[in-house]
Structures are given as C-alpha cells and as structure tokens.
Amino acid sequence: MAETKPRGLLLVMIEVEPAHEADFNRWYNEEHVPERLSVPGILNARRFVAIEGEPKYLALYDLESPDVLQSEAYTKLLAGTPWTNETKKHWIRSVRNVYREIPTTP
C-alpha cells in the first residue's frame, strides 16, 4: 500500500486596528482568499471572528500537504499586492502557524 503524505493546516490569526476592520475584511474576502485558493494544493479557506479573546480574526486553510507552502505558486504571492501591503500597515498583531496532520489509528 502506498504511503500518503499527511495533510497540512495553515492557521493565521490577525488583530487589526478597529478603524480599518471594514477594509481588512473586504481585502481578505475579495483579494486574499481568492489568491490563496488559486494555489494548487490549498483545498479551502475558512474565516472566523472571536467571540472573546484575541487576536480577533482567525483563518484556517486546509492543505494537501504542508509542502504546498514551499511551492512556486504560493511563494510568488508572498511579496503582496499594493492592497495587501497597505492593509498590513494596520495590523496590530499576527500569528501564522503551519501544522502537519497526525495520523490516527482506529
């Protein structure tokens, strides 16, 4: 039986200046998520807003493998667009973690 690579997860949490939240959310939904989903191996994106605690915004990206984040398609997005770079100026804090799935046994 062929061994499969474990799936990955990209977790991103961001706290943004309150005066810039509307633009942040518009940027995330209209530009950032579509860009990321255009990368082969990024399977989906989900966003959450904190009911309590910080950072306020959380995004989860399911990955075919953590290796997706080393691909040319992904790394060429890291320089950012003008809108991305302007939006980042208003981030108070961000956390970015990459995870590898732990296989479970039945």
PDB file of N, CA and C in Angstrom:
ATOM      1  N   MET A   1       0.848  -1.185   0.000  1.00  0.00           N
ATOM      2  CA  MET A   1       0.000   0.000   0.000  1.00  0.00           C
ATOM      3  C   MET A   1       0.887   1.240   0.000  1.00  0.00           C
ATOM      4  N   ALA A   2       0.567   2.197  -0.858  1.00  0.00           N
ATOM      5  CA  ALA A   2       1.363   3.415  -0.974  1.00  0.00           C
ATOM      6  C   ALA A   2       1.140   4.322   0.236  1.00  0.00           C
ATOM      7  N   GLU A   3       2.227   4.896   0.701  1.00  0.00           N
ATOM      8  CA  GLU A   3       2.145   5.823   1.833  1.00  0.00           C
ATOM      9  C   GLU A   3       1.729   7.192   1.315  1.00  0.00           C
ATOM     10  N   THR A   4       0.769   7.816   1.971  1.00  0.00           N
ATOM     11  CA  THR A   4       0.322   9.142   1.560  1.00  0.00           C
ATOM     12  C   THR A   4       0.932  10.188   2.473  1.00  0.00           C
ATOM     13  N   LYS A   5       1.160  11.356   1.910  1.00  0.00           N
ATOM     14  CA  LYS A   5       1.688  12.461   2.718  1.00  0.00           C
ATOM     15  C   LYS A   5       0.592  12.954   3.657  1.00  0.00           C
ATOM     16  N   PRO A   6       0.973  13.319   4.864  1.00  0.00           N
ATOM     17  CA  PRO A   6      -0.032  13.880   5.769  1.00  0.00           C
ATOM     18  C   PRO A   6      -0.499  15.249   5.269  1.00  0.00           C
ATOM     19  N   ARG A   7      -1.752  15.502   5.466  1.00  0.00           N
ATOM     20  CA  ARG A   7      -2.304  16.808   5.107  1.00  0.00           C
ATOM     21  C   ARG A   7      -1.724  17.871   6.017  1.00  0.00           C
ATOM     22  N   GLY A   8      -1.938  19.115   5.620  1.00  0.00           N
ATOM     23  CA  GLY A   8      -1.452  20.230   6.408  1.00  0.00           C
ATOM     24  C   GLY A   8      -2.562  21.211   6.736  1.00  0.00           C
ATOM     25  N   LEU A   9      -2.237  22.120   7.611  1.00  0.00           N
ATOM     26  CA  LEU A   9      -3.160  23.181   8.003  1.00  0.00           C
ATOM     27  C   LEU A   9      -2.347  24.449   8.202  1.00  0.00           C
ATOM     28  N   LEU A  10      -2.813  25.531   7.629  1.00  0.00           N
ATOM     29  CA  LEU A  10      -2.240  26.853   7.865  1.00  0.00           C
ATOM     30  C   LEU A  10      -3.233  27.618   8.721  1.00  0.00           C
ATOM     31  N   LEU A  11      -2.768  28.098   9.862  1.00  0.00           N
ATOM     32  CA  LEU A  11      -3.582  28.865  10.788  1.00  0.00           C
ATOM     33  C   LEU A  11      -3.030  30.285  10.821  1.00  0.00           C
ATOM     34  N   VAL A  12      -3.896  31.262  10.626  1.00  0.00           N
ATOM     35  CA  VAL A  12      -3.492  32.667  10.670  1.00  0.00           C
ATOM     36  C   VAL A  12      -4.458  33.418  11.576  1.00  0.00           C
ATOM     37  N   MET A  13      -3.904  34.153  12.542  1.00  0.00           N
ATOM     38  CA  MET A  13      -4.716  34.994  13.422  1.00  0.00           C
ATOM     39  C   MET A  13      -4.212  36.427  13.290  1.00  0.00           C
ATOM     40  N   ILE A  14      -5.148  37.363  13.181  1.00  0.00           N
ATOM     41  CA  ILE A  14      -4.774  38.764  12.968  1.00  0.00           C
ATOM     42  C   ILE A  14      -5.641  39.667  13.837  1.00  0.00           C
ATOM     43  N   GLU A  15      -4.988  40.622  14.457  1.00  0.00           N
ATOM     44  CA  GLU A  15      -5.667  41.722  15.155  1.00  0.00           C
ATOM     45  C   GLU A  15      -5.407  42.959  14.315  1.00  0.00           C
ATOM     46  N   VAL A  16      -6.459  43.671  13.964  1.00  0.00           N
ATOM     47  CA  VAL A  16      -6.336  44.833  13.087  1.00  0.00           C
ATOM     48  C   VAL A  16      -6.871  46.071  13.812  1.00  0.00           C
ATOM     49  N   GLU A  17      -6.317  47.221  13.478  1.00  0.00           N
ATOM     50  CA  GLU A  17      -6.807  48.466  14.078  1.00  0.00           C
ATOM     51  C   GLU A  17      -8.314  48.583  13.809  1.00  0.00           C
ATOM     52  N   PRO A  18      -9.119  48.856  14.830  1.00  0.00           N
ATOM     53  CA  PRO A  18     -10.574  48.904  14.662  1.00  0.00           C
ATOM     54  C   PRO A  18     -11.045  49.818  13.527  1.00  0.00           C
ATOM     55  N   ALA A  19     -10.386  50.926  13.321  1.00  0.00           N
ATOM     56  CA  ALA A  19     -10.811  51.860  12.268  1.00  0.00           C
ATOM     57  C   ALA A  19     -10.621  51.276  10.867  1.00  0.00           C
ATOM     58  N   HIS A  20      -9.859  50.187  10.747  1.00  0.00           N
ATOM     59  CA  HIS A  20      -9.553  49.609   9.432  1.00  0.00           C
ATOM     60  C   HIS A  20     -10.147  48.216   9.237  1.00  0.00           C
ATOM     61  N   GLU A  21     -11.026  47.807  10.133  1.00  0.00           N
ATOM     62  CA  GLU A  21     -11.601  46.462  10.044  1.00  0.00           C
ATOM     63  C   GLU A  21     -12.437  46.256   8.785  1.00  0.00           C
ATOM     64  N   ALA A  22     -13.227  47.211   8.402  1.00  0.00           N
ATOM     65  CA  ALA A  22     -14.074  47.034   7.211  1.00  0.00           C
ATOM     66  C   ALA A  22     -13.208  46.803   5.970  1.00  0.00           C
ATOM     67  N   ASP A  23     -12.154  47.588   5.797  1.00  0.00           N
ATOM     68  CA  ASP A  23     -11.279  47.416   4.644  1.00  0.00           C
ATOM     69  C   ASP A  23     -10.529  46.085   4.742  1.00  0.00           C
ATOM     70  N   PHE A  24     -10.092  45.718   5.945  1.00  0.00           N
ATOM     71  CA  PHE A  24      -9.410  44.442   6.155  1.00  0.00           C
ATOM     72  C   PHE A  24     -10.294  43.284   5.712  1.00  0.00           C
ATOM     73  N   ASN A  25     -11.547  43.288   6.138  1.00  0.00           N
ATOM     74  CA  ASN A  25     -12.454  42.196   5.784  1.00  0.00           C
ATOM     75  C   ASN A  25     -12.764  42.176   4.292  1.00  0.00           C
ATOM     76  N   ARG A  26     -12.905  43.341   3.690  1.00  0.00           N
ATOM     77  CA  ARG A  26     -13.133  43.410   2.237  1.00  0.00           C
ATOM     78  C   ARG A  26     -11.919  42.858   1.499  1.00  0.00           C
ATOM     79  N   TRP A  27     -10.703  43.281   1.903  1.00  0.00           N
ATOM     80  CA  TRP A  27      -9.468  42.778   1.296  1.00  0.00           C
ATOM     81  C   TRP A  27      -9.366  41.260   1.456  1.00  0.00           C
ATOM     82  N   TYR A  28      -9.633  40.762   2.659  1.00  0.00           N
ATOM     83  CA  TYR A  28      -9.496  39.327   2.905  1.00  0.00           C
ATOM     84  C   TYR A  28     -10.429  38.536   2.001  1.00  0.00           C
ATOM     85  N   ASN A  29     -11.681  38.973   1.908  1.00  0.00           N
ATOM     86  CA  ASN A  29     -12.677  38.236   1.132  1.00  0.00           C
ATOM     87  C   ASN A  29     -12.532  38.426  -0.373  1.00  0.00           C
ATOM     88  N   GLU A  30     -12.188  39.621  -0.815  1.00  0.00           N
ATOM     89  CA  GLU A  30     -12.165  39.907  -2.249  1.00  0.00           C
ATOM     90  C   GLU A  30     -10.826  39.619  -2.920  1.00  0.00           C
ATOM     91  N   GLU A  31      -9.720  39.733  -2.172  1.00  0.00           N
ATOM     92  CA  GLU A  31      -8.416  39.520  -2.789  1.00  0.00           C
ATOM     93  C   GLU A  31      -7.655  38.349  -2.168  1.00  0.00           C
ATOM     94  N   HIS A  32      -7.461  38.381  -0.875  1.00  0.00           N
ATOM     95  CA  HIS A  32      -6.565  37.427  -0.225  1.00  0.00           C
ATOM     96  C   HIS A  32      -7.031  35.973  -0.370  1.00  0.00           C
ATOM     97  N   VAL A  33      -8.247  35.683   0.005  1.00  0.00           N
ATOM     98  CA  VAL A  33      -8.729  34.302  -0.079  1.00  0.00           C
ATOM     99  C   VAL A  33      -8.728  33.807  -1.529  1.00  0.00           C
ATOM    100  N   PRO A  34      -9.261  34.562  -2.496  1.00  0.00           N
ATOM    101  CA  PRO A  34      -9.190  34.070  -3.884  1.00  0.00           C
ATOM    102  C   PRO A  34      -7.760  33.811  -4.366  1.00  0.00           C
ATOM    103  N   GLU A  35      -6.813  34.659  -3.973  1.00  0.00           N
ATOM    104  CA  GLU A  35      -5.408  34.420  -4.333  1.00  0.00           C
ATOM    105  C   GLU A  35      -4.932  33.083  -3.774  1.00  0.00           C
ATOM    106  N   ARG A  36      -5.200  32.861  -2.504  1.00  0.00           N
ATOM    107  CA  ARG A  36      -4.721  31.635  -1.861  1.00  0.00           C
ATOM    108  C   ARG A  36      -5.385  30.407  -2.460  1.00  0.00           C
ATOM    109  N   LEU A  37      -6.659  30.491  -2.742  1.00  0.00           N
ATOM    110  CA  LEU A  37      -7.364  29.341  -3.302  1.00  0.00           C
ATOM    111  C   LEU A  37      -6.947  29.053  -4.746  1.00  0.00           C
ATOM    112  N   SER A  38      -6.262  29.981  -5.382  1.00  0.00           N
ATOM    113  CA  SER A  38      -5.756  29.732  -6.739  1.00  0.00           C
ATOM    114  C   SER A  38      -4.494  28.873  -6.719  1.00  0.00           C
ATOM    115  N   VAL A  39      -3.910  28.658  -5.547  1.00  0.00           N
ATOM    116  CA  VAL A  39      -2.684  27.868  -5.414  1.00  0.00           C
ATOM    117  C   VAL A  39      -3.050  26.382  -5.379  1.00  0.00           C
ATOM    118  N   PRO A  40      -2.494  25.592  -6.294  1.00  0.00           N
ATOM    119  CA  PRO A  40      -2.756  24.149  -6.244  1.00  0.00           C
ATOM    120  C   PRO A  40      -2.325  23.578  -4.889  1.00  0.00           C
ATOM    121  N   GLY A  41      -3.215  22.797  -4.293  1.00  0.00           N
ATOM    122  CA  GLY A  41      -2.914  22.180  -3.002  1.00  0.00           C
ATOM    123  C   GLY A  41      -3.519  22.896  -1.815  1.00  0.00           C
ATOM    124  N   ILE A  42      -3.977  24.144  -1.995  1.00  0.00           N
ATOM    125  CA  ILE A  42      -4.747  24.799  -0.930  1.00  0.00           C
ATOM    126  C   ILE A  42      -6.196  24.419  -1.191  1.00  0.00           C
ATOM    127  N   LEU A  43      -6.754  23.628  -0.300  1.00  0.00           N
ATOM    128  CA  LEU A  43      -8.038  22.977  -0.544  1.00  0.00           C
ATOM    129  C   LEU A  43      -9.239  23.850  -0.217  1.00  0.00           C
ATOM    130  N   ASN A  44      -9.132  24.648   0.831  1.00  0.00           N
ATOM    131  CA  ASN A  44     -10.232  25.534   1.206  1.00  0.00           C
ATOM    132  C   ASN A  44      -9.740  26.553   2.215  1.00  0.00           C
ATOM    133  N   ALA A  45     -10.582  27.519   2.466  1.00  0.00           N
ATOM    134  CA  ALA A  45     -10.285  28.567   3.449  1.00  0.00           C
ATOM    135  C   ALA A  45     -11.553  28.822   4.250  1.00  0.00           C
ATOM    136  N   ARG A  46     -11.356  28.976   5.553  1.00  0.00           N
ATOM    137  CA  ARG A  46     -12.466  29.308   6.440  1.00  0.00           C
ATOM    138  C   ARG A  46     -12.028  30.452   7.326  1.00  0.00           C
ATOM    139  N   ARG A  47     -12.945  31.375   7.588  1.00  0.00           N
ATOM    140  CA  ARG A  47     -12.624  32.522   8.443  1.00  0.00           C
ATOM    141  C   ARG A  47     -13.553  32.541   9.641  1.00  0.00           C
ATOM    142  N   PHE A  48     -13.006  33.071  10.748  1.00  0.00           N
ATOM    143  CA  PHE A  48     -13.760  33.155  11.992  1.00  0.00           C
ATOM    144  C   PHE A  48     -13.468  34.497  12.652  1.00  0.00           C
ATOM    145  N   VAL A  49     -14.417  34.964  13.449  1.00  0.00           N
ATOM    146  CA  VAL A  49     -14.214  36.142  14.275  1.00  0.00           C
ATOM    147  C   VAL A  49     -14.393  35.713  15.731  1.00  0.00           C
ATOM    148  N   ALA A  50     -13.533  36.186  16.603  1.00  0.00           N
ATOM    149  CA  ALA A  50     -13.555  35.779  18.009  1.00  0.00           C
ATOM    150  C   ALA A  50     -14.792  36.314  18.718  1.00  0.00           C
ATOM    151  N   ILE A  51     -15.385  35.466  19.487  1.00  0.00           N
ATOM    152  CA  ILE A  51     -16.466  35.880  20.377  1.00  0.00           C
ATOM    153  C   ILE A  51     -15.850  36.495  21.631  1.00  0.00           C
ATOM    154  N   GLU A  52     -14.701  35.948  22.001  1.00  0.00           N
ATOM    155  CA  GLU A  52     -13.918  36.508  23.102  1.00  0.00           C
ATOM    156  C   GLU A  52     -12.451  36.203  22.823  1.00  0.00           C
ATOM    157  N   GLY A  53     -11.579  36.971  23.416  1.00  0.00           N
ATOM    158  CA  GLY A  53     -10.143  36.754  23.243  1.00  0.00           C
ATOM    159  C   GLY A  53      -9.581  37.451  22.010  1.00  0.00           C
ATOM    160  N   GLU A  54      -8.296  37.342  21.859  1.00  0.00           N
ATOM    161  CA  GLU A  54      -7.567  37.982  20.762  1.00  0.00           C
ATOM    162  C   GLU A  54      -6.513  37.023  20.234  1.00  0.00           C
ATOM    163  N   PRO A  55      -6.064  37.208  19.047  1.00  0.00           N
ATOM    164  CA  PRO A  55      -6.493  38.134  18.011  1.00  0.00           C
ATOM    165  C   PRO A  55      -7.943  37.876  17.569  1.00  0.00           C
ATOM    166  N   LYS A  56      -8.543  38.911  17.038  1.00  0.00           N
ATOM    167  CA  LYS A  56      -9.963  38.896  16.707  1.00  0.00           C
ATOM    168  C   LYS A  56     -10.295  37.991  15.528  1.00  0.00           C
ATOM    169  N   TYR A  57      -9.410  37.938  14.519  1.00  0.00           N
ATOM    170  CA  TYR A  57      -9.710  37.204  13.290  1.00  0.00           C
ATOM    171  C   TYR A  57      -8.841  35.965  13.161  1.00  0.00           C
ATOM    172  N   LEU A  58      -9.460  34.888  12.706  1.00  0.00           N
ATOM    173  CA  LEU A  58      -8.791  33.605  12.508  1.00  0.00           C
ATOM    174  C   LEU A  58      -9.140  33.094  11.120  1.00  0.00           C
ATOM    175  N   ALA A  59      -8.142  32.590  10.409  1.00  0.00           N
ATOM    176  CA  ALA A  59      -8.373  31.920   9.131  1.00  0.00           C
ATOM    177  C   ALA A  59      -7.667  30.572   9.163  1.00  0.00           C
ATOM    178  N   LEU A  60      -8.336  29.559   8.633  1.00  0.00           N
ATOM    179  CA  LEU A  60      -7.783  28.218   8.536  1.00  0.00           C
ATOM    180  C   LEU A  60      -7.784  27.803   7.073  1.00  0.00           C
ATOM    181  N   TYR A  61      -6.652  27.287   6.628  1.00  0.00           N
ATOM    182  CA  TYR A  61      -6.505  26.817   5.250  1.00  0.00           C
ATOM    183  C   TYR A  61      -6.113  25.351   5.289  1.00  0.00           C
ATOM    184  N   ASP A  62      -6.934  24.481   4.732  1.00  0.00           N
ATOM    185  CA  ASP A  62      -6.590  23.075   4.631  1.00  0.00           C
ATOM    186  C   ASP A  62      -5.672  22.888   3.432  1.00  0.00           C
ATOM    187  N   LEU A  63      -4.597  22.119   3.645  1.00  0.00           N
ATOM    188  CA  LEU A  63      -3.573  21.926   2.629  1.00  0.00           C
ATOM    189  C   LEU A  63      -3.445  20.444   2.287  1.00  0.00           C
ATOM    190  N   GLU A  64      -3.212  20.147   1.007  1.00  0.00           N
ATOM    191  CA  GLU A  64      -2.917  18.757   0.631  1.00  0.00           C
ATOM    192  C   GLU A  64      -1.715  18.246   1.419  1.00  0.00           C
ATOM    193  N   SER A  65      -0.763  19.150   1.659  1.00  0.00           N
ATOM    194  CA  SER A  65       0.465  18.842   2.392  1.00  0.00           C
ATOM    195  C   SER A  65       1.067  20.177   2.837  1.00  0.00           C
ATOM    196  N   PRO A  66       1.796  20.222   3.933  1.00  0.00           N
ATOM    197  CA  PRO A  66       2.482  21.459   4.304  1.00  0.00           C
ATOM    198  C   PRO A  66       3.453  21.938   3.210  1.00  0.00           C
ATOM    199  N   ASP A  67       3.914  21.001   2.359  1.00  0.00           N
ATOM    200  CA  ASP A  67       4.838  21.347   1.277  1.00  0.00           C
ATOM    201  C   ASP A  67       4.247  22.357   0.292  1.00  0.00           C
ATOM    202  N   VAL A  68       2.927  22.461   0.245  1.00  0.00           N
ATOM    203  CA  VAL A  68       2.266  23.432  -0.643  1.00  0.00           C
ATOM    204  C   VAL A  68       2.810  24.839  -0.395  1.00  0.00           C
ATOM    205  N   LEU A  69       3.148  25.129   0.862  1.00  0.00           N
ATOM    206  CA  LEU A  69       3.599  26.476   1.218  1.00  0.00           C
ATOM    207  C   LEU A  69       5.033  26.748   0.760  1.00  0.00           C
ATOM    208  N   GLN A  70       5.694  25.751   0.186  1.00  0.00           N
ATOM    209  CA  GLN A  70       7.025  25.925  -0.402  1.00  0.00           C
ATOM    210  C   GLN A  70       6.950  25.989  -1.926  1.00  0.00           C
ATOM    211  N   SER A  71       5.758  25.834  -2.478  1.00  0.00           N
ATOM    212  CA  SER A  71       5.607  25.795  -3.934  1.00  0.00           C
ATOM    213  C   SER A  71       5.828  27.175  -4.541  1.00  0.00           C
ATOM    214  N   GLU A  72       6.215  27.180  -5.800  1.00  0.00           N
ATOM    215  CA  GLU A  72       6.409  28.444  -6.517  1.00  0.00           C
ATOM    216  C   GLU A  72       5.111  29.239  -6.577  1.00  0.00           C
ATOM    217  N   ALA A  73       3.999  28.557  -6.801  1.00  0.00           N
ATOM    218  CA  ALA A  73       2.706  29.242  -6.892  1.00  0.00           C
ATOM    219  C   ALA A  73       2.382  29.999  -5.609  1.00  0.00           C
ATOM    220  N   TYR A  74       2.732  29.419  -4.455  1.00  0.00           N
ATOM    221  CA  TYR A  74       2.467  30.084  -3.184  1.00  0.00           C
ATOM    222  C   TYR A  74       3.503  31.171  -2.890  1.00  0.00           C
ATOM    223  N   THR A  75       4.782  30.848  -3.038  1.00  0.00           N
ATOM    224  CA  THR A  75       5.817  31.803  -2.636  1.00  0.00           C
ATOM    225  C   THR A  75       5.799  33.074  -3.475  1.00  0.00           C
ATOM    226  N   LYS A  76       5.326  32.994  -4.714  1.00  0.00           N
ATOM    227  CA  LYS A  76       5.280  34.219  -5.516  1.00  0.00           C
ATOM    228  C   LYS A  76       4.185  35.188  -5.030  1.00  0.00           C
ATOM    229  N   LEU A  77       3.253  34.700  -4.225  1.00  0.00           N
ATOM    230  CA  LEU A  77       2.219  35.574  -3.657  1.00  0.00           C
ATOM    231  C   LEU A  77       2.712  36.346  -2.432  1.00  0.00           C
ATOM    232  N   LEU A  78       3.823  35.918  -1.847  1.00  0.00           N
ATOM    233  CA  LEU A  78       4.251  36.471  -0.561  1.00  0.00           C
ATOM    234  C   LEU A  78       4.708  37.928  -0.623  1.00  0.00           C
ATOM    235  N   ALA A  79       5.115  38.407  -1.778  1.00  0.00           N
ATOM    236  CA  ALA A  79       5.519  39.816  -1.895  1.00  0.00           C
ATOM    237  C   ALA A  79       4.324  40.742  -1.660  1.00  0.00           C
ATOM    238  N   GLY A  80       3.141  40.265  -1.987  1.00  0.00           N
ATOM    239  CA  GLY A  80       1.925  41.039  -1.734  1.00  0.00           C
ATOM    240  C   GLY A  80       1.620  42.048  -2.824  1.00  0.00           C
ATOM    241  N   THR A  81       0.353  42.339  -2.943  1.00  0.00           N
ATOM    242  CA  THR A  81      -0.126  43.363  -3.867  1.00  0.00           C
ATOM    243  C   THR A  81      -0.097  44.711  -3.149  1.00  0.00           C
ATOM    244  N   PRO A  82      -0.294  45.801  -3.861  1.00  0.00           N
ATOM    245  CA  PRO A  82      -0.391  47.103  -3.171  1.00  0.00           C
ATOM    246  C   PRO A  82      -1.481  47.112  -2.095  1.00  0.00           C
ATOM    247  N   TRP A  83      -2.621  46.504  -2.385  1.00  0.00           N
ATOM    248  CA  TRP A  83      -3.704  46.467  -1.394  1.00  0.00           C
ATOM    249  C   TRP A  83      -3.280  45.651  -0.177  1.00  0.00           C
ATOM    250  N   THR A  84      -2.631  44.519  -0.400  1.00  0.00           N
ATOM    251  CA  THR A  84      -2.133  43.706   0.706  1.00  0.00           C
ATOM    252  C   THR A  84      -1.169  44.498   1.574  1.00  0.00           C
ATOM    253  N   ASN A  85      -0.214  45.131   0.948  1.00  0.00           N
ATOM    254  CA  ASN A  85       0.808  45.862   1.703  1.00  0.00           C
ATOM    255  C   ASN A  85       0.223  47.051   2.462  1.00  0.00           C
ATOM    256  N   GLU A  86      -0.780  47.699   1.910  1.00  0.00           N
ATOM    257  CA  GLU A  86      -1.447  48.803   2.623  1.00  0.00           C
ATOM    258  C   GLU A  86      -2.236  48.255   3.806  1.00  0.00           C
ATOM    259  N   THR A  87      -2.936  47.160   3.604  1.00  0.00           N
ATOM    260  CA  THR A  87      -3.738  46.556   4.671  1.00  0.00           C
ATOM    261  C   THR A  87      -2.865  46.123   5.843  1.00  0.00           C
ATOM    262  N   LYS A  88      -1.707  45.539   5.547  1.00  0.00           N
ATOM    263  CA  LYS A  88      -0.810  45.049   6.610  1.00  0.00           C
ATOM    264  C   LYS A  88      -0.304  46.160   7.518  1.00  0.00           C
ATOM    265  N   LYS A  89      -0.284  47.387   7.035  1.00  0.00           N
ATOM    266  CA  LYS A  89       0.160  48.515   7.863  1.00  0.00           C
ATOM    267  C   LYS A  89      -0.736  48.702   9.089  1.00  0.00           C
ATOM    268  N   HIS A  90      -1.951  48.174   9.027  1.00  0.00           N
ATOM    269  CA  HIS A  90      -2.931  48.389  10.088  1.00  0.00           C
ATOM    270  C   HIS A  90      -3.127  47.155  10.969  1.00  0.00           C
ATOM    271  N   TRP A  91      -2.255  46.173  10.810  1.00  0.00           N
ATOM    272  CA  TRP A  91      -2.314  45.002  11.674  1.00  0.00           C
ATOM    273  C   TRP A  91      -1.604  45.327  12.981  1.00  0.00           C
ATOM    274  N   ILE A  92      -2.228  45.008  14.060  1.00  0.00           N
ATOM    275  CA  ILE A  92      -1.638  45.206  15.375  1.00  0.00           C
ATOM    276  C   ILE A  92      -0.771  44.002  15.731  1.00  0.00           C
ATOM    277  N   ARG A  93      -1.258  42.822  15.374  1.00  0.00           N
ATOM    278  CA  ARG A  93      -0.547  41.579  15.704  1.00  0.00           C
ATOM    279  C   ARG A  93      -1.006  40.491  14.741  1.00  0.00           C
ATOM    280  N   SER A  94      -0.097  39.599  14.415  1.00  0.00           N
ATOM    281  CA  SER A  94      -0.485  38.440  13.610  1.00  0.00           C
ATOM    282  C   SER A  94       0.292  37.209  14.073  1.00  0.00           C
ATOM    283  N   VAL A  95      -0.350  36.072  13.897  1.00  0.00           N
ATOM    284  CA  VAL A  95       0.232  34.774  14.220  1.00  0.00           C
ATOM    285  C   VAL A  95       0.010  33.903  12.991  1.00  0.00           C
ATOM    286  N   ARG A  96       1.062  33.209  12.564  1.00  0.00           N
ATOM    287  CA  ARG A  96       0.952  32.312  11.411  1.00  0.00           C
ATOM    288  C   ARG A  96       1.635  31.006  11.785  1.00  0.00           C
ATOM    289  N   ASN A  97       0.852  29.928  11.845  1.00  0.00           N
ATOM    290  CA  ASN A  97       1.384  28.615  12.200  1.00  0.00           C
ATOM    291  C   ASN A  97       1.033  27.618  11.104  1.00  0.00           C
ATOM    292  N   VAL A  98       1.971  26.718  10.828  1.00  0.00           N
ATOM    293  CA  VAL A  98       1.761  25.644   9.864  1.00  0.00           C
ATOM    294  C   VAL A  98       1.785  24.334  10.633  1.00  0.00           C
ATOM    295  N   TYR A  99       0.822  23.464  10.329  1.00  0.00           N
ATOM    296  CA  TYR A  99       0.693  22.190  11.021  1.00  0.00           C
ATOM    297  C   TYR A  99       0.701  21.034  10.037  1.00  0.00           C
ATOM    298  N   ARG A 100       1.184  19.904  10.500  1.00  0.00           N
ATOM    299  CA  ARG A 100       1.127  18.651   9.768  1.00  0.00           C
ATOM    300  C   ARG A 100       0.164  17.753  10.531  1.00  0.00           C
ATOM    301  N   GLU A 101      -0.760  17.107   9.798  1.00  0.00           N
ATOM    302  CA  GLU A 101      -1.734  16.241  10.422  1.00  0.00           C
ATOM    303  C   GLU A 101      -1.065  15.037  11.077  1.00  0.00           C
ATOM    304  N   ILE A 102      -1.534  14.672  12.238  1.00  0.00           N
ATOM    305  CA  ILE A 102      -1.058  13.496  12.947  1.00  0.00           C
ATOM    306  C   ILE A 102      -2.008  12.359  12.596  1.00  0.00           C
ATOM    307  N   PRO A 103      -1.496  11.309  11.964  1.00  0.00           N
ATOM    308  CA  PRO A 103      -2.384  10.180  11.620  1.00  0.00           C
ATOM    309  C   PRO A 103      -2.953   9.547  12.893  1.00  0.00           C
ATOM    310  N   THR A 104      -4.193   9.174  12.845  1.00  0.00           N
ATOM    311  CA  THR A 104      -4.821   8.481  13.960  1.00  0.00           C
ATOM    312  C   THR A 104      -5.106   7.048  13.546  1.00  0.00           C
ATOM    313  N   THR A 105      -5.139   6.180  14.514  1.00  0.00           N
ATOM    314  CA  THR A 105      -5.463   4.788  14.232  1.00  0.00           C
ATOM    315  C   THR A 105      -6.843   4.491  14.767  1.00  0.00           C
ATOM    316  N   PRO A 106      -7.591   3.665  14.046  1.00  0.00           N
ATOM    317  CA  PRO A 106      -8.953   3.343  14.501  1.00  0.00           C
ATOM    318  C   PRO A 106      -8.971   2.495  15.749  1.00  0.00           C
TER     319      PRO A 106
END
